[in-house]
């Protein structure tokens, strides 16, 4: 299944502690790199919210809710996530299902 056809996403809204943005991005990259190699996952993306100071949003597409549950239930998940969260003041995770897609002209 191509990454654009994956029907489920995990997203996160992240607010690193002031001055910890670079450390957060590095730790998130390591965590997301691990997640992106797991069965059923796709390319992990982190974006900087240009409208909210210090806010970042992450996206990871998944083939199924079972793949998401397997990732979150993995023995290494909590320890790897804690490496990211040590730099984060606020974090809000979301699991989402695609209900519509619209393609534009490339």
Protein backbone atom coordinates (compact mmCIF):
# COMPACT_ATOMS: atom_id res chain seq x y z
CA UNK A 1 0.00 0.00 0.00
CA UNK A 2 1.46 3.41 -0.87
CA UNK A 3 1.93 5.99 1.89
CA UNK A 4 -0.80 8.15 0.35
CA UNK A 5 -3.28 5.26 0.52
CA UNK A 6 -2.74 4.42 4.20
CA UNK A 7 -6.11 4.85 5.93
CA UNK A 8 -4.96 5.62 9.51
CA UNK A 9 -2.71 8.27 11.04
CA UNK A 10 -1.17 8.97 14.38
CA UNK A 11 -0.58 12.65 14.98
CA UNK A 12 0.86 14.61 17.84
CA UNK A 13 0.86 18.24 18.87
CA UNK A 14 4.16 18.97 20.62
CA UNK A 15 5.29 22.05 22.54
CA UNK A 16 8.96 21.74 23.52
CA UNK A 17 10.33 23.62 26.51
CA UNK A 18 11.79 26.99 25.45
CA UNK A 19 15.37 26.51 24.26
CA UNK A 20 14.87 22.74 23.80
CA UNK A 21 13.55 22.83 20.22
CA UNK A 22 16.70 21.42 18.58
CA UNK A 23 17.03 18.66 21.17
CA UNK A 24 13.34 17.83 20.73
CA UNK A 25 13.64 17.66 16.93
CA UNK A 26 16.65 15.35 17.20
CA UNK A 27 14.96 13.07 19.74
CA UNK A 28 11.74 13.05 17.71
CA UNK A 29 13.72 12.11 14.59
CA UNK A 30 15.23 9.09 16.33
CA UNK A 31 11.84 8.01 17.70
CA UNK A 32 10.07 8.51 14.37
CA UNK A 33 12.84 6.74 12.46
CA UNK A 34 12.28 3.69 14.64
CA UNK A 35 8.48 3.90 14.14
CA UNK A 36 8.80 4.34 10.36
CA UNK A 37 10.67 1.02 10.11
CA UNK A 38 7.89 -0.98 11.78
CA UNK A 39 5.44 -3.14 9.88
CA UNK A 40 2.44 -1.16 8.66
CA UNK A 41 3.87 2.34 9.08
CA UNK A 42 4.83 4.99 6.58
CA UNK A 43 6.97 8.10 6.36
CA UNK A 44 6.98 10.11 9.60
CA UNK A 45 6.67 13.89 9.20
CA UNK A 46 7.21 16.70 11.71
CA UNK A 47 6.08 20.22 10.85
CA UNK A 48 6.56 23.51 12.66
CA UNK A 49 3.28 25.35 13.18
CA UNK A 50 3.85 28.85 11.79
CA UNK A 51 0.81 30.27 13.58
CA UNK A 52 1.53 29.04 17.12
CA UNK A 53 4.91 29.91 18.63
CA UNK A 54 6.89 26.79 19.54
CA UNK A 55 4.29 24.27 18.39
CA UNK A 56 5.12 21.24 16.22
CA UNK A 57 2.77 18.67 14.70
CA UNK A 58 3.73 15.13 13.69
CA UNK A 59 2.06 12.72 11.28
CA UNK A 60 2.66 9.01 10.70
CA UNK A 61 0.45 7.04 8.28
CA UNK A 62 -0.46 3.44 9.15
CA UNK A 63 -2.06 0.52 7.34
CA UNK A 64 -4.37 -0.41 10.23
CA UNK A 65 -5.35 0.24 13.82
CA UNK A 66 -3.75 -3.11 14.63
CA UNK A 67 -0.39 -1.75 13.40
CA UNK A 68 -0.83 1.34 15.61
CA UNK A 69 -1.70 -0.81 18.62
CA UNK A 70 1.29 -3.07 17.93
CA UNK A 71 3.59 -0.01 17.82
CA UNK A 72 2.21 1.48 21.02
CA UNK A 73 2.34 -1.93 22.71
CA UNK A 74 5.93 -2.60 21.61
CA UNK A 75 8.27 -3.25 24.58
CA UNK A 76 10.49 -0.32 23.50
CA UNK A 77 7.70 2.24 22.94
CA UNK A 78 7.55 3.87 26.39
CA UNK A 79 11.31 4.16 26.79
CA UNK A 80 11.75 5.59 23.29
CA UNK A 81 8.85 8.02 23.76
CA UNK A 82 10.31 9.20 27.09
CA UNK A 83 13.49 10.24 25.25
CA UNK A 84 11.35 12.70 23.26
CA UNK A 85 9.08 13.83 26.06
CA UNK A 86 11.97 14.90 28.28
CA UNK A 87 12.16 17.98 26.04
CA UNK A 88 8.40 18.59 25.85
CA UNK A 89 6.20 20.80 28.00
CA UNK A 90 2.89 19.84 26.33
CA UNK A 91 1.95 16.86 24.17
CA UNK A 92 -1.39 15.81 22.74
CA UNK A 93 -1.59 12.57 20.69
CA UNK A 94 -4.36 11.64 18.26
CA UNK A 95 -5.27 8.54 16.27
CA UNK A 96 -7.25 9.29 13.12
CA UNK A 97 -8.95 7.49 10.25
CA UNK A 98 -9.09 8.97 6.76
CA UNK A 99 -12.69 9.59 5.70
CA UNK A 100 -12.08 11.51 2.46
CA UNK A 101 -9.24 12.32 0.05
CA UNK A 102 -9.09 14.99 -2.63
CA UNK A 103 -6.24 15.07 -5.13
CA UNK A 104 -5.05 18.27 -6.71
CA UNK A 105 -3.29 18.89 -9.99
CA UNK A 106 0.43 18.21 -9.69
